[in-house]
Amino acid sequence: MSSSNIRDKDEALKDWVSRLPDDILVNIISRLTLKEAARTSVLSSRWKYLWTYASNLNFDASKLLVNVYEETLEEERLRYMCWVNKVLESHKGLSVNEFIIVFDLDDSHESNISHWVYTAISKRAQKFELNLFPALCWPPASGIYEFSQGCYDYLKSPCGLSSVKSLRFLYFDTVNVTEEILEFFINNCPNLDDLRVGRSDNLLRLKVVGSLLQLKCLHIDHCNNLEELEISCPSLLSFKYFGPEIKLHVKNVPQLVDVLIGGGHGIGKGKVIGPIVNYFPQLKTLELHVELNEEILQFPECDLPELRHLMFMVSALDCSSLLGLTCMMKSCPLLQKLTFKIFHYSAEIIMRHQIPKHSHQCLKVLEFVGFSGDPVELELAYYMFENATMLEEMIVEPSEYEPEAQAARKSAKKLEKMLPPGVKLVFH
């Protein structure tokens, strides 16, 4: 085919695309990154302003922070704020599907951040994420950005009340926000189904209570001054909490099937997660963050008859065995997948534990994440080989650190030789 024919076909295709209605073209452009969307403005005079109606305003530039240094951080911040403001000045859309801010900013940038909050609400964002987690140090040198009174006053105005009704997903990370503001969103956003809050020092208490709430996911992470949390929400499917021990009141959660618990409510120094697991007999997925400093663990009497996936995120110091974790499996007769996410051990670990055998007839998948080939990991794997009679697959994801990853590969070869017949080893 001649080059002229190829050019003719390209032109025909370009003409065909250009004949599409504006709303379809804007939909296509909205699937691009903002920088890619802006580049379409040079295609023709018709395309020049289409990108300014893009419905996804995703300003996630966290990848730029991977190689940032203290002496260049402020320059990167200024460049980021200039980019966001320039896009918003050009944007003509009255509503957006998502408005996402992810960058290292702090209280010294309050005016810009508050302007973005106001813009996200006024554009009736369905998904709003404000993630200001620092790249270099914690806490931020100039303090954590605080959700401003001006933004809150706007939320309570007739215009603000009307705009937030579109909100479905709300995520604040490294943003100081009070219970009053969060409960405003909870009680005035009838479509809100996903609420996530991380690293808010101003959050002391929170009530997620209401029979008409549509909330399906509630995640609270490292809000270290939180004292009390009350949940009564029939629609809730997923609850994840990592932080200090708190007064936790849970009732009327008939659909809850996914729970993560870590921090003060985890297991550490011989302590147990307490009665919290007893609230959730209908769980299908449970993740527990575990700090092991002692050899013997005792779990509360609990019934998890529907549990299909049990995960332990393990940080172990001076702990000679992980076998104590297996005793909880007796409460999960239908468990199909068991995952261990492993951090680190002391150098003194040896294998020396004897745990009574208990047959796990439904367990099909055993997974080790962060596997380094330590003796306690091998001991745990051998125990599962002996007791999981229906095991089909063992997944091994090695540690991110190369010296440990090399040891993990060698240990994986040992495991492969010990695998029961019919069990497949998957090494990532």
Protein backbone atom coordinates (compact mmCIF):
# COMPACT_ATOMS: atom_id res chain seq x y z
CA MET A 1 0.00 0.00 0.00
CA SER A 2 1.37 3.42 -0.95
CA SER A 3 2.13 6.08 1.61
CA SER A 4 -0.53 8.32 0.06
CA ASN A 5 -3.19 5.63 0.62
CA ILE A 6 -2.13 5.27 4.25
CA ARG A 7 -2.40 9.03 4.72
CA ASP A 8 -5.86 9.01 3.14
CA LYS A 9 -7.02 6.27 5.53
CA ASP A 10 -5.60 8.16 8.53
CA GLU A 11 -7.39 11.32 7.42
CA ALA A 12 -10.65 9.43 6.96
CA LEU A 13 -10.36 7.96 10.44
CA LYS A 14 -9.58 11.39 11.91
CA ASP A 15 -12.60 12.88 10.11
CA TRP A 16 -14.83 10.06 11.38
CA VAL A 17 -13.74 10.65 14.99
CA SER A 18 -14.22 14.39 14.62
CA ARG A 19 -17.79 13.88 13.46
CA LEU A 20 -18.73 12.29 16.81
CA PRO A 21 -20.89 14.41 19.15
CA ASP A 22 -19.09 16.58 21.68
CA ASP A 23 -20.32 14.60 24.67
CA ILE A 24 -18.80 11.39 23.28
CA LEU A 25 -15.50 13.12 22.53
CA VAL A 26 -15.41 14.58 26.04
CA ASN A 27 -16.09 11.10 27.41
CA ILE A 28 -13.12 9.78 25.44
CA ILE A 29 -10.88 12.64 26.55
CA SER A 30 -11.89 12.08 30.19
CA ARG A 31 -10.30 8.64 30.04
CA LEU A 32 -6.88 10.21 29.38
CA THR A 33 -4.56 11.72 31.94
CA LEU A 34 -4.94 15.48 32.29
CA LYS A 35 -1.68 16.12 30.45
CA GLU A 36 -2.71 13.81 27.61
CA ALA A 37 -6.14 15.41 27.49
CA ALA A 38 -4.61 18.91 27.21
CA ARG A 39 -2.49 17.76 24.24
CA THR A 40 -5.64 17.03 22.20
CA SER A 41 -6.20 20.80 21.93
CA VAL A 42 -3.71 20.96 19.04
CA LEU A 43 -5.58 18.43 16.85
CA SER A 44 -7.93 21.01 15.33
CA SER A 45 -9.93 24.12 16.16
CA ARG A 46 -12.85 21.92 17.20
CA TRP A 47 -10.70 20.00 19.69
CA LYS A 48 -9.08 23.12 21.14
CA TYR A 49 -11.36 23.45 24.19
CA LEU A 50 -12.93 20.00 24.47
CA TRP A 51 -10.40 18.91 27.09
CA THR A 52 -11.56 21.74 29.38
CA TYR A 53 -14.79 19.78 29.90
CA ALA A 54 -13.00 16.61 31.03
CA SER A 55 -14.94 14.94 33.83
CA ASN A 56 -11.96 13.36 35.61
CA LEU A 57 -9.64 15.83 37.33
CA ASN A 58 -6.92 13.52 38.61
CA PHE A 59 -3.98 15.50 40.00
CA ASP A 60 -2.14 12.51 41.46
CA ALA A 61 1.55 13.40 41.01
CA SER A 62 2.91 11.20 43.80
CA LYS A 63 5.33 9.48 41.39
CA LEU A 64 7.26 12.75 41.12
CA LEU A 65 8.05 12.52 44.84
CA VAL A 66 9.98 9.26 44.59
CA ASN A 67 13.28 11.02 43.88
CA VAL A 68 12.58 14.36 45.55
CA TYR A 69 15.06 15.85 48.05
CA GLU A 70 14.57 18.35 50.82
CA GLU A 71 16.30 21.10 48.86
CA THR A 72 14.06 20.56 45.81
CA LEU A 73 10.76 19.80 47.56
CA GLU A 74 9.45 23.37 47.68
CA GLU A 75 10.23 23.88 44.01
CA GLU A 76 8.25 20.72 43.18
CA ARG A 77 5.38 21.94 45.34
CA LEU A 78 5.24 25.28 43.53
CA ARG A 79 5.30 23.53 40.16
CA TYR A 80 2.50 21.20 41.27
CA MET A 81 0.27 24.01 42.59
CA CYS A 82 0.83 26.02 39.41
CA TRP A 83 -0.22 23.02 37.30
CA VAL A 84 -3.40 22.37 39.31
CA ASN A 85 -4.43 26.03 39.32
CA LYS A 86 -3.75 26.41 35.61
CA VAL A 87 -5.95 23.42 34.78
CA LEU A 88 -8.74 24.66 37.06
CA GLU A 89 -8.62 28.13 35.51
CA SER A 90 -9.19 26.55 32.10
CA HIS A 91 -11.76 23.96 33.15
CA LYS A 92 -15.30 24.80 32.06
CA GLY A 93 -17.21 21.71 33.14
CA LEU A 94 -19.99 22.30 35.67
CA SER A 95 -19.60 18.84 37.21
CA VAL A 96 -16.88 16.17 37.46
CA ASN A 97 -16.77 12.47 38.22
CA GLU A 98 -13.57 12.72 40.23
CA PHE A 99 -11.36 15.37 41.78
CA ILE A 100 -8.12 13.89 43.14
CA ILE A 101 -5.26 15.73 44.86
CA VAL A 102 -2.24 13.59 45.81
CA PHE A 103 0.97 15.42 46.69
CA ASP A 104 3.20 16.46 49.58
CA LEU A 105 1.64 19.70 50.83
CA ASP A 106 1.13 21.12 54.30
CA ASP A 107 -0.54 23.93 56.22
CA SER A 108 1.68 26.57 54.62
CA HIS A 109 -0.24 25.95 51.37
CA GLU A 110 -3.63 26.44 53.02
CA SER A 111 -5.03 28.99 50.55
CA ASN A 112 -4.42 26.81 47.49
CA ILE A 113 -5.71 23.63 49.14
CA SER A 114 -8.86 25.32 50.46
CA HIS A 115 -9.53 26.71 46.99
CA TRP A 116 -9.32 23.17 45.58
CA VAL A 117 -11.70 21.85 48.24
CA TYR A 118 -14.18 24.59 47.36
CA THR A 119 -13.79 23.82 43.64
CA ALA A 120 -14.29 20.07 44.12
CA ILE A 121 -17.52 20.64 46.03
CA SER A 122 -18.83 23.34 43.71
CA LYS A 123 -18.22 21.07 40.69
CA ARG A 124 -20.31 18.37 42.35
CA ALA A 125 -17.50 15.82 42.41
CA GLN A 126 -18.68 12.24 42.87
CA LYS A 127 -15.23 11.15 44.04
CA PHE A 128 -13.09 13.52 46.11
CA GLU A 129 -9.66 12.55 47.38
CA LEU A 130 -7.36 14.93 49.26
CA ASN A 131 -4.14 13.09 50.10
CA LEU A 132 -1.29 15.28 51.36
CA PHE A 133 0.96 12.58 52.85
CA PRO A 134 4.57 13.88 53.13
CA ALA A 135 7.32 12.40 51.00
CA LEU A 136 10.24 13.08 53.33
CA CYS A 137 9.31 13.33 56.99
CA TRP A 138 6.47 12.94 59.46
CA PRO A 139 4.87 15.11 60.67
CA PRO A 140 5.06 17.81 57.98
CA ALA A 141 7.45 20.61 58.91
CA SER A 142 4.79 23.34 58.72
CA GLY A 143 1.99 21.26 60.22
CA ILE A 144 -0.88 19.31 58.74
CA TYR A 145 -3.40 21.14 56.59
CA GLU A 146 -6.61 21.79 58.52
CA PHE A 147 -9.98 21.67 56.77
CA SER A 148 -10.83 25.36 56.88
CA GLN A 149 -13.83 26.98 58.53
CA GLY A 150 -14.49 28.81 55.29
CA CYS A 151 -14.86 25.52 53.41
CA TYR A 152 -17.12 24.17 56.13
CA ASP A 153 -19.29 27.30 56.03
CA TYR A 154 -19.65 26.84 52.27
CA LEU A 155 -20.66 23.20 52.77
CA LYS A 156 -23.49 24.31 55.07
CA SER A 157 -24.76 26.94 52.64
CA PRO A 158 -27.70 26.10 50.33
CA CYS A 159 -25.34 25.88 47.37
CA GLY A 160 -22.91 23.63 49.26
CA LEU A 161 -25.68 21.38 50.58
CA SER A 162 -26.96 20.92 47.05
CA SER A 163 -23.49 20.20 45.63
CA VAL A 164 -22.39 17.54 48.16
CA LYS A 165 -25.40 15.38 47.37
CA SER A 166 -23.45 14.04 44.38
CA LEU A 167 -20.55 12.79 46.55
CA ARG A 168 -20.06 9.01 46.56
CA PHE A 169 -16.41 8.60 47.61
CA LEU A 170 -14.54 10.76 50.15
CA TYR A 171 -10.93 10.26 51.24
CA PHE A 172 -8.90 12.57 53.48
CA ASP A 173 -5.27 11.65 54.24
CA THR A 174 -2.96 13.90 56.26
CA VAL A 175 -5.81 16.39 56.60
CA ASN A 176 -6.94 17.58 60.02
CA VAL A 177 -10.68 17.16 60.02
CA THR A 178 -13.04 17.11 63.01
CA GLU A 179 -15.91 14.80 63.85
CA GLU A 180 -18.34 17.65 63.14
CA ILE A 181 -17.14 17.99 59.55
CA LEU A 182 -17.02 14.25 58.88
CA GLU A 183 -20.47 13.73 60.36
CA PHE A 184 -21.75 16.56 58.17
CA PHE A 185 -20.60 14.61 55.10
CA ILE A 186 -22.00 11.34 56.50
CA ASN A 187 -25.42 12.82 57.23
CA ASN A 188 -25.79 15.14 54.23
CA CYS A 189 -24.44 13.05 51.36
CA PRO A 190 -27.21 10.55 50.61
CA ASN A 191 -25.11 8.78 47.96
CA LEU A 192 -21.88 8.49 50.00
CA ASP A 193 -20.86 4.83 49.98
CA ASP A 194 -17.10 5.00 50.71
CA LEU A 195 -15.48 7.09 53.48
CA ARG A 196 -11.75 6.91 54.26
CA VAL A 197 -9.80 9.02 56.76
CA GLY A 198 -6.09 8.75 57.50
CA ARG A 199 -3.71 10.65 59.76
CA SER A 200 -6.13 13.24 61.13
CA ASP A 201 -4.96 14.48 64.54
CA ASN A 202 -8.17 16.47 65.12
CA LEU A 203 -10.44 13.47 64.95
CA LEU A 204 -11.32 12.48 68.53
CA ARG A 205 -14.70 10.77 68.13
CA LEU A 206 -16.89 9.70 65.27
CA LYS A 207 -20.46 8.46 64.90
CA VAL A 208 -21.45 6.58 61.78
CA VAL A 209 -25.05 6.02 62.74
CA GLY A 210 -28.22 5.98 60.65
CA SER A 211 -30.64 3.48 59.22
CA LEU A 212 -30.84 5.41 55.93
CA LEU A 213 -27.09 5.67 55.34
CA GLN A 214 -25.82 4.12 52.09
CA LEU A 215 -22.25 3.78 53.34
CA LYS A 216 -20.62 0.52 52.29
CA CYS A 217 -16.95 1.11 53.17
CA LEU A 218 -15.47 2.82 56.25
CA HIS A 219 -11.69 2.96 56.63
CA ILE A 220 -9.95 4.75 59.54
CA ASP A 221 -6.14 4.71 59.45
CA HIS A 222 -3.62 6.16 61.92
CA CYS A 223 -5.92 8.75 63.47
CA ASN A 224 -3.87 8.55 66.63
CA ASN A 225 -5.99 10.82 68.84
CA LEU A 226 -9.22 8.97 68.14
CA GLU A 227 -10.86 7.86 71.39
CA GLU A 228 -14.26 6.53 70.42
CA LEU A 229 -15.99 5.20 67.33
CA GLU A 230 -19.66 4.27 67.10
CA ILE A 231 -21.01 2.35 64.11
CA SER A 232 -24.62 1.47 63.38
CA CYS A 233 -25.05 1.22 59.63
CA PRO A 234 -27.11 -1.53 57.98
CA SER A 235 -25.50 -1.00 54.56
CA LEU A 236 -21.86 -1.35 55.72
CA LEU A 237 -19.88 -4.07 53.90
CA SER A 238 -16.27 -3.22 54.76
CA PHE A 239 -14.72 -1.80 57.95
CA LYS A 240 -10.97 -1.27 58.28
CA TYR A 241 -9.36 0.24 61.33
CA PHE A 242 -5.68 0.70 62.12
CA GLY A 243 -4.73 2.83 65.11
CA PRO A 244 -4.70 3.05 68.90
CA GLU A 245 -7.04 1.09 71.10
CA ILE A 246 -10.38 2.91 71.23
CA LYS A 247 -13.88 2.55 72.60
CA LEU A 248 -15.49 0.79 69.69
CA HIS A 249 -19.26 0.33 69.56
CA VAL A 250 -20.60 -1.76 66.70
CA LYS A 251 -24.19 -2.81 66.11
CA ASN A 252 -26.71 -3.19 63.29
CA VAL A 253 -24.18 -4.19 60.62
CA PRO A 254 -25.95 -7.20 59.10
CA GLN A 255 -24.13 -6.97 55.75
CA LEU A 256 -20.58 -6.54 57.05
CA VAL A 257 -18.31 -9.15 55.43
CA ASP A 258 -14.83 -7.55 55.27
CA VAL A 259 -12.84 -6.38 58.31
CA LEU A 260 -9.26 -5.25 58.96
CA ILE A 261 -8.07 -4.59 62.51
CA GLY A 262 -4.60 -3.38 63.47
CA GLY A 263 -2.73 -1.21 65.93
CA GLY A 264 -4.02 -1.14 69.50
CA HIS A 265 -6.74 -3.67 68.67
CA GLY A 266 -4.24 -6.11 67.19
CA ILE A 267 -2.36 -8.85 68.98
CA GLY A 268 0.82 -7.90 70.74
CA LYS A 269 2.71 -8.84 73.89
CA GLY A 270 0.33 -11.71 74.55
CA LYS A 271 -2.77 -9.54 74.29
CA VAL A 272 -5.71 -10.58 72.18
CA ILE A 273 -7.87 -8.60 69.79
CA GLY A 274 -10.64 -8.87 72.39
CA PRO A 275 -14.35 -9.30 71.80
CA ILE A 276 -14.41 -7.29 68.58
CA VAL A 277 -14.32 -10.37 66.37
CA ASN A 278 -17.41 -11.69 68.13
CA TYR A 279 -19.42 -8.86 66.58
CA PHE A 280 -18.88 -10.26 63.12
CA PRO A 281 -20.12 -13.84 62.73
CA GLN A 282 -21.00 -13.15 59.09
CA LEU A 283 -17.47 -12.20 57.99
CA LYS A 284 -16.03 -13.55 54.74
CA THR A 285 -12.68 -11.71 54.92
CA LEU A 286 -10.66 -10.82 58.03
CA GLU A 287 -7.20 -9.22 58.23
CA LEU A 288 -5.41 -8.86 61.55
CA HIS A 289 -2.19 -6.90 62.03
CA VAL A 290 -0.09 -8.79 64.51
CA GLU A 291 2.97 -7.81 66.55
CA LEU A 292 4.49 -10.97 68.00
CA ASN A 293 6.88 -10.59 70.90
CA GLU A 294 5.96 -13.74 72.75
CA GLU A 295 5.76 -17.40 71.92
CA ILE A 296 2.22 -18.30 72.98
CA LEU A 297 -0.92 -16.68 71.60
CA GLN A 298 -4.43 -17.08 72.91
CA PHE A 299 -7.40 -16.01 70.84
CA PRO A 300 -10.85 -15.29 72.18
CA GLU A 301 -13.59 -17.81 71.71
CA CYS A 302 -15.26 -16.73 68.50
CA ASP A 303 -17.33 -18.18 65.71
CA LEU A 304 -16.47 -17.32 62.12
CA PRO A 305 -18.51 -19.87 60.19
CA GLU A 306 -18.63 -17.86 56.93
CA LEU A 307 -14.98 -16.77 56.79
CA ARG A 308 -13.30 -17.59 53.48
CA HIS A 309 -10.07 -15.53 53.63
CA LEU A 310 -7.98 -14.96 56.76
CA MET A 311 -4.93 -12.66 56.60
CA PHE A 312 -2.25 -11.98 59.16
CA MET A 313 0.13 -9.03 58.73
CA VAL A 314 2.97 -10.14 60.98
CA SER A 315 5.73 -8.11 62.62
CA ALA A 316 7.77 -10.38 64.86
CA LEU A 317 10.57 -9.53 67.29
CA ASP A 318 12.17 -12.21 69.46
CA CYS A 319 9.44 -14.66 68.49
CA SER A 320 10.49 -18.26 68.01
CA SER A 321 7.41 -19.50 66.15
CA LEU A 322 4.40 -18.42 64.12
CA LEU A 323 2.44 -21.58 64.75
CA GLY A 324 0.37 -19.91 67.46
CA LEU A 325 -1.48 -18.05 64.71
CA THR A 326 -2.94 -21.28 63.39
CA CYS A 327 -5.13 -21.83 66.45
CA MET A 328 -7.61 -19.22 65.17
CA MET A 329 -8.26 -21.34 62.10
CA LYS A 330 -10.29 -23.74 64.23
CA SER A 331 -12.97 -21.05 64.33
CA CYS A 332 -13.09 -20.90 60.52
CA PRO A 333 -14.34 -24.28 59.24
CA LEU A 334 -14.95 -23.01 55.68
CA LEU A 335 -11.67 -21.08 55.29
CA GLN A 336 -10.40 -21.31 51.71
CA LYS A 337 -7.40 -18.95 51.69
CA LEU A 338 -4.81 -18.13 54.35
CA THR A 339 -2.37 -15.25 53.84
CA PHE A 340 0.68 -14.24 55.88
CA LYS A 341 2.16 -10.80 55.15
CA ILE A 342 5.49 -10.90 56.95
CA PHE A 343 7.67 -7.97 57.98
CA HIS A 344 10.74 -8.98 59.98
CA TYR A 345 12.18 -11.21 62.69
CA SER A 346 15.05 -11.06 65.12
CA ALA A 347 18.24 -12.92 64.29
CA GLU A 348 17.76 -15.38 67.14
CA ILE A 349 14.82 -17.33 65.74
CA ILE A 350 14.91 -21.10 65.94
CA MET A 351 12.29 -23.80 65.27
CA ARG A 352 11.13 -25.57 68.38
CA HIS A 353 7.33 -25.58 68.67
CA GLN A 354 4.88 -28.47 68.70
CA ILE A 355 1.28 -27.53 67.96
CA PRO A 356 -1.56 -30.09 68.03
CA LYS A 357 -2.65 -31.16 64.57
CA HIS A 358 -5.98 -29.87 63.27
CA SER A 359 -7.31 -30.81 59.86
CA HIS A 360 -8.34 -27.90 57.61
CA GLN A 361 -10.38 -29.57 54.92
CA CYS A 362 -11.55 -26.49 52.97
CA LEU A 363 -8.25 -24.59 52.75
CA LYS A 364 -7.15 -24.44 49.11
CA VAL A 365 -4.64 -21.55 48.94
CA LEU A 366 -1.72 -20.72 51.26
CA GLU A 367 0.03 -17.40 50.59
CA PHE A 368 3.23 -15.87 51.97
CA VAL A 369 3.87 -12.18 51.17
CA GLY A 370 7.29 -10.79 52.10
CA PHE A 371 8.71 -14.32 52.31
CA SER A 372 12.40 -14.43 53.23
CA GLY A 373 12.88 -18.13 53.94
CA ASP A 374 13.35 -17.85 57.71
CA PRO A 375 13.03 -21.07 59.72
CA VAL A 376 9.75 -19.97 61.29
CA GLU A 377 8.23 -19.48 57.86
CA LEU A 378 9.33 -22.93 56.76
CA GLU A 379 8.02 -24.42 60.00
CA LEU A 380 4.64 -22.81 59.41
CA ALA A 381 4.54 -23.97 55.80
CA TYR A 382 5.36 -27.58 56.78
CA TYR A 383 2.61 -27.50 59.43
CA MET A 384 0.09 -26.37 56.81
CA PHE A 385 1.24 -29.08 54.38
CA GLU A 386 0.46 -31.68 57.04
CA ASN A 387 -2.91 -30.27 58.09
CA ALA A 388 -4.46 -28.68 54.99
CA THR A 389 -5.53 -31.89 53.32
CA MET A 390 -7.23 -30.19 50.34
CA LEU A 391 -4.49 -27.62 49.62
CA GLU A 392 -4.17 -26.84 45.90
CA GLU A 393 -1.77 -23.91 45.68
CA MET A 394 0.98 -22.19 47.62
CA ILE A 395 1.78 -18.61 46.57
CA VAL A 396 5.15 -17.15 47.56
CA GLU A 397 5.92 -13.46 47.08
CA PRO A 398 9.50 -12.76 48.24
CA SER A 399 10.71 -9.87 50.34
CA GLU A 400 11.40 -6.61 48.49
CA TYR A 401 14.97 -6.57 49.84
CA GLU A 402 17.33 -8.34 47.47
CA PRO A 403 19.48 -10.23 50.05
CA GLU A 404 16.30 -11.65 51.62
CA ALA A 405 14.81 -12.30 48.19
CA GLN A 406 17.81 -14.44 47.26
CA ALA A 407 17.41 -16.47 50.44
CA ALA A 408 13.69 -16.77 49.70
CA ARG A 409 14.39 -18.31 46.28
CA LYS A 410 16.63 -20.95 47.85
CA SER A 411 14.06 -21.73 50.54
CA ALA A 412 11.31 -21.92 47.92
CA LYS A 413 13.21 -24.76 46.26
CA LYS A 414 13.19 -26.60 49.59
CA LEU A 415 9.46 -26.00 49.91
CA GLU A 416 8.83 -27.31 46.42
CA LYS A 417 10.40 -30.63 47.37
CA MET A 418 8.17 -30.85 50.44
CA LEU A 419 4.91 -30.01 48.68
CA PRO A 420 2.21 -32.65 48.99
CA PRO A 421 1.16 -34.30 45.70
CA GLY A 422 -1.09 -32.09 43.60
CA VAL A 423 -0.09 -28.80 45.25
CA LYS A 424 1.20 -26.12 42.88
CA LEU A 425 3.91 -23.64 43.94
CA VAL A 426 3.57 -20.13 42.46
CA PHE A 427 6.65 -17.96 43.02
CA HIS A 428 6.29 -14.28 42.09
